[in-house]
């Protein structure tokens, strides 16, 4: 009777990394949070089950609920009502950061998306040339 050798899974470090046991815990999760200035009630984000575009008030309730569930890390996506080609106003998003830090302090870890696509009318991450065909660089 021949025995099957599983050593082939141990010979290469890349194969070992792919086949080793993985443990996942709530401590490793980061909850995406979308907050929109013109949002009047939470709206489902298509393609992201259980994720909503929040109002400033519902954002605080969402984070509170997630904290009760054990999630303490968040990635904030601010969506301002006004869009601009130049002189972008980030005060809405910075206000949401301040509100979260004031209410939850060190109970949360907060990362913030700083891409300019939510701030520009064309949805690109930087300033476009006058023809709108080439990105000139970051705002």
C-alpha atoms as a PDB file:
ATOM      1  CA  UNK A   1       0.000   0.000   0.000  1.00  0.00           C
ATOM      2  CA  UNK A   2       1.447   3.371  -0.987  1.00  0.00           C
ATOM      3  CA  UNK A   3       1.219   6.429   1.152  1.00  0.00           C
ATOM      4  CA  UNK A   4       0.441   9.879  -0.160  1.00  0.00           C
ATOM      5  CA  UNK A   5       3.066  12.435   0.716  1.00  0.00           C
ATOM      6  CA  UNK A   6       1.874  15.965   1.360  1.00  0.00           C
ATOM      7  CA  UNK A   7       5.416  17.339   1.517  1.00  0.00           C
ATOM      8  CA  UNK A   8       4.920  19.059  -1.843  1.00  0.00           C
ATOM      9  CA  UNK A   9       2.853  21.649   0.070  1.00  0.00           C
ATOM     10  CA  UNK A  10       5.808  22.370   2.347  1.00  0.00           C
ATOM     11  CA  UNK A  11       8.591  22.619  -0.228  1.00  0.00           C
ATOM     12  CA  UNK A  12       7.914  26.088  -1.632  1.00  0.00           C
ATOM     13  CA  UNK A  13       7.381  29.162   0.587  1.00  0.00           C
ATOM     14  CA  UNK A  14       4.719  30.537  -1.784  1.00  0.00           C
ATOM     15  CA  UNK A  15       2.722  27.303  -1.696  1.00  0.00           C
ATOM     16  CA  UNK A  16       3.107  27.155   2.089  1.00  0.00           C
ATOM     17  CA  UNK A  17       1.725  30.700   2.367  1.00  0.00           C
ATOM     18  CA  UNK A  18      -1.280  29.827   0.176  1.00  0.00           C
ATOM     19  CA  UNK A  19      -2.139  26.582   1.970  1.00  0.00           C
ATOM     20  CA  UNK A  20      -1.531  27.407   5.610  1.00  0.00           C
ATOM     21  CA  UNK A  21      -4.398  27.751   7.992  1.00  0.00           C
ATOM     22  CA  UNK A  22      -5.865  31.218   8.250  1.00  0.00           C
ATOM     23  CA  UNK A  23      -7.736  32.620  11.177  1.00  0.00           C
ATOM     24  CA  UNK A  24      -9.881  35.700  10.847  1.00  0.00           C
ATOM     25  CA  UNK A  25     -11.122  37.794  13.727  1.00  0.00           C
ATOM     26  CA  UNK A  26     -13.272  40.881  14.098  1.00  0.00           C
ATOM     27  CA  UNK A  27     -10.114  42.768  15.127  1.00  0.00           C
ATOM     28  CA  UNK A  28      -8.904  42.504  11.523  1.00  0.00           C
ATOM     29  CA  UNK A  29     -12.025  44.045   9.956  1.00  0.00           C
ATOM     30  CA  UNK A  30     -12.326  47.622   8.722  1.00  0.00           C
ATOM     31  CA  UNK A  31     -15.848  48.917   8.169  1.00  0.00           C
ATOM     32  CA  UNK A  32     -16.276  51.254   5.187  1.00  0.00           C
ATOM     33  CA  UNK A  33     -18.433  54.286   6.028  1.00  0.00           C
ATOM     34  CA  UNK A  34     -19.847  56.533   3.328  1.00  0.00           C
ATOM     35  CA  UNK A  35     -21.319  59.819   4.536  1.00  0.00           C
ATOM     36  CA  UNK A  36     -22.966  62.171   2.061  1.00  0.00           C
ATOM     37  CA  UNK A  37     -23.731  65.813   2.709  1.00  0.00           C
ATOM     38  CA  UNK A  38     -26.915  65.755   0.604  1.00  0.00           C
ATOM     39  CA  UNK A  39     -28.200  62.435   1.970  1.00  0.00           C
ATOM     40  CA  UNK A  40     -31.453  62.754   3.951  1.00  0.00           C
ATOM     41  CA  UNK A  41     -31.731  59.107   5.017  1.00  0.00           C
ATOM     42  CA  UNK A  42     -29.412  56.092   4.820  1.00  0.00           C
ATOM     43  CA  UNK A  43     -29.324  54.627   1.299  1.00  0.00           C
ATOM     44  CA  UNK A  44     -27.984  51.188   0.393  1.00  0.00           C
ATOM     45  CA  UNK A  45     -24.721  51.221  -1.565  1.00  0.00           C
ATOM     46  CA  UNK A  46     -25.222  48.988  -4.626  1.00  0.00           C
ATOM     47  CA  UNK A  47     -22.829  46.061  -4.624  1.00  0.00           C
ATOM     48  CA  UNK A  48     -21.852  46.430  -0.956  1.00  0.00           C
ATOM     49  CA  UNK A  49     -24.388  44.407   0.996  1.00  0.00           C
ATOM     50  CA  UNK A  50     -25.109  45.934   4.397  1.00  0.00           C
ATOM     51  CA  UNK A  51     -23.232  49.153   3.617  1.00  0.00           C
ATOM     52  CA  UNK A  52     -25.141  52.427   3.411  1.00  0.00           C
ATOM     53  CA  UNK A  53     -24.530  55.970   2.325  1.00  0.00           C
ATOM     54  CA  UNK A  54     -25.152  57.638   5.675  1.00  0.00           C
ATOM     55  CA  UNK A  55     -26.323  61.013   6.850  1.00  0.00           C
ATOM     56  CA  UNK A  56     -24.110  62.758   9.416  1.00  0.00           C
ATOM     57  CA  UNK A  57     -26.475  61.604  12.201  1.00  0.00           C
ATOM     58  CA  UNK A  58     -26.897  58.044  10.946  1.00  0.00           C
ATOM     59  CA  UNK A  59     -23.111  57.746  10.576  1.00  0.00           C
ATOM     60  CA  UNK A  60     -22.736  58.177  14.333  1.00  0.00           C
ATOM     61  CA  UNK A  61     -25.443  55.581  14.979  1.00  0.00           C
ATOM     62  CA  UNK A  62     -23.799  53.170  12.501  1.00  0.00           C
ATOM     63  CA  UNK A  63     -20.398  53.451  14.183  1.00  0.00           C
ATOM     64  CA  UNK A  64     -22.022  52.997  17.598  1.00  0.00           C
ATOM     65  CA  UNK A  65     -23.780  49.844  16.362  1.00  0.00           C
ATOM     66  CA  UNK A  66     -20.576  48.496  14.809  1.00  0.00           C
ATOM     67  CA  UNK A  67     -18.685  49.116  18.048  1.00  0.00           C
ATOM     68  CA  UNK A  68     -21.278  47.034  19.915  1.00  0.00           C
ATOM     69  CA  UNK A  69     -20.674  44.279  17.349  1.00  0.00           C
ATOM     70  CA  UNK A  70     -16.920  44.427  18.009  1.00  0.00           C
ATOM     71  CA  UNK A  71     -15.776  46.422  14.965  1.00  0.00           C
ATOM     72  CA  UNK A  72     -13.582  49.353  15.975  1.00  0.00           C
ATOM     73  CA  UNK A  73     -11.784  50.245  12.734  1.00  0.00           C
ATOM     74  CA  UNK A  74     -13.409  52.430  10.098  1.00  0.00           C
ATOM     75  CA  UNK A  75     -12.605  53.860   6.678  1.00  0.00           C
ATOM     76  CA  UNK A  76     -14.503  57.092   6.066  1.00  0.00           C
ATOM     77  CA  UNK A  77     -15.513  58.207   2.578  1.00  0.00           C
ATOM     78  CA  UNK A  78     -16.843  61.752   2.654  1.00  0.00           C
ATOM     79  CA  UNK A  79     -19.136  62.772  -0.208  1.00  0.00           C
ATOM     80  CA  UNK A  80     -19.677  66.552  -0.269  1.00  0.00           C
ATOM     81  CA  UNK A  81     -22.720  68.085  -1.924  1.00  0.00           C
ATOM     82  CA  UNK A  82     -20.744  70.696  -3.886  1.00  0.00           C
ATOM     83  CA  UNK A  83     -18.179  69.696  -6.492  1.00  0.00           C
ATOM     84  CA  UNK A  84     -15.412  71.985  -7.776  1.00  0.00           C
ATOM     85  CA  UNK A  85     -12.624  71.967 -10.354  1.00  0.00           C
ATOM     86  CA  UNK A  86     -10.361  74.058  -8.078  1.00  0.00           C
ATOM     87  CA  UNK A  87     -10.398  75.297  -4.496  1.00  0.00           C
ATOM     88  CA  UNK A  88     -11.993  72.127  -3.180  1.00  0.00           C
ATOM     89  CA  UNK A  89     -13.777  72.487   0.147  1.00  0.00           C
ATOM     90  CA  UNK A  90     -13.137  69.517   2.441  1.00  0.00           C
ATOM     91  CA  UNK A  91     -14.952  71.038   5.422  1.00  0.00           C
ATOM     92  CA  UNK A  92     -17.856  68.559   5.276  1.00  0.00           C
ATOM     93  CA  UNK A  93     -15.561  65.546   5.566  1.00  0.00           C
ATOM     94  CA  UNK A  94     -13.334  67.183   8.177  1.00  0.00           C
ATOM     95  CA  UNK A  95     -16.486  67.971  10.169  1.00  0.00           C
ATOM     96  CA  UNK A  96     -17.447  64.284  10.095  1.00  0.00           C
ATOM     97  CA  UNK A  97     -13.987  63.318  11.309  1.00  0.00           C
ATOM     98  CA  UNK A  98     -14.292  65.799  14.189  1.00  0.00           C
ATOM     99  CA  UNK A  99     -17.761  64.495  15.110  1.00  0.00           C
ATOM    100  CA  UNK A 100     -16.561  60.875  15.138  1.00  0.00           C
ATOM    101  CA  UNK A 101     -13.469  61.661  17.199  1.00  0.00           C
ATOM    102  CA  UNK A 102     -15.474  63.803  19.632  1.00  0.00           C
ATOM    103  CA  UNK A 103     -18.082  61.098  20.208  1.00  0.00           C
ATOM    104  CA  UNK A 104     -15.888  57.974  20.149  1.00  0.00           C
ATOM    105  CA  UNK A 105     -12.372  59.251  20.861  1.00  0.00           C
ATOM    106  CA  UNK A 106      -9.816  56.487  21.182  1.00  0.00           C
ATOM    107  CA  UNK A 107     -12.492  53.780  20.998  1.00  0.00           C
ATOM    108  CA  UNK A 108     -12.165  53.861  17.213  1.00  0.00           C
ATOM    109  CA  UNK A 109      -9.364  53.766  14.679  1.00  0.00           C
ATOM    110  CA  UNK A 110     -10.276  55.990  11.752  1.00  0.00           C
ATOM    111  CA  UNK A 111      -8.778  56.127   8.282  1.00  0.00           C
ATOM    112  CA  UNK A 112     -10.090  58.635   5.767  1.00  0.00           C
ATOM    113  CA  UNK A 113     -10.189  58.366   1.991  1.00  0.00           C
ATOM    114  CA  UNK A 114      -8.403  61.417   0.598  1.00  0.00           C
ATOM    115  CA  UNK A 115      -8.988  60.775  -3.089  1.00  0.00           C
ATOM    116  CA  UNK A 116     -10.425  63.822  -4.836  1.00  0.00           C
ATOM    117  CA  UNK A 117     -12.880  61.917  -7.058  1.00  0.00           C
ATOM    118  CA  UNK A 118     -15.823  62.712  -4.719  1.00  0.00           C
ATOM    119  CA  UNK A 119     -14.957  66.410  -4.796  1.00  0.00           C
ATOM    120  CA  UNK A 120     -14.592  66.994  -8.539  1.00  0.00           C
ATOM    121  CA  UNK A 121     -17.519  67.304 -10.983  1.00  0.00           C
ATOM    122  CA  UNK A 122     -15.840  64.932 -13.454  1.00  0.00           C
ATOM    123  CA  UNK A 123     -15.116  62.217 -10.866  1.00  0.00           C
ATOM    124  CA  UNK A 124     -11.396  62.007 -11.623  1.00  0.00           C
ATOM    125  CA  UNK A 125      -8.846  62.131  -8.840  1.00  0.00           C
ATOM    126  CA  UNK A 126      -7.076  65.281  -9.973  1.00  0.00           C
ATOM    127  CA  UNK A 127      -7.207  68.437 -12.061  1.00  0.00           C
ATOM    128  CA  UNK A 128      -7.879  67.940 -15.765  1.00  0.00           C
ATOM    129  CA  UNK A 129      -6.479  70.001 -18.613  1.00  0.00           C
ATOM    130  CA  UNK A 130      -8.891  72.543 -20.198  1.00  0.00           C
ATOM    131  CA  UNK A 131     -10.019  69.957 -22.763  1.00  0.00           C
ATOM    132  CA  UNK A 132     -10.771  67.448 -20.002  1.00  0.00           C
ATOM    133  CA  UNK A 133      -8.679  64.777 -21.689  1.00  0.00           C
ATOM    134  CA  UNK A 134      -5.676  64.518 -19.368  1.00  0.00           C
ATOM    135  CA  UNK A 135      -5.206  64.611 -15.620  1.00  0.00           C
ATOM    136  CA  UNK A 136      -2.640  67.261 -14.718  1.00  0.00           C
ATOM    137  CA  UNK A 137      -2.006  66.125 -11.177  1.00  0.00           C
ATOM    138  CA  UNK A 138      -3.521  66.083  -7.735  1.00  0.00           C
ATOM    139  CA  UNK A 139      -5.530  68.998  -6.400  1.00  0.00           C
END
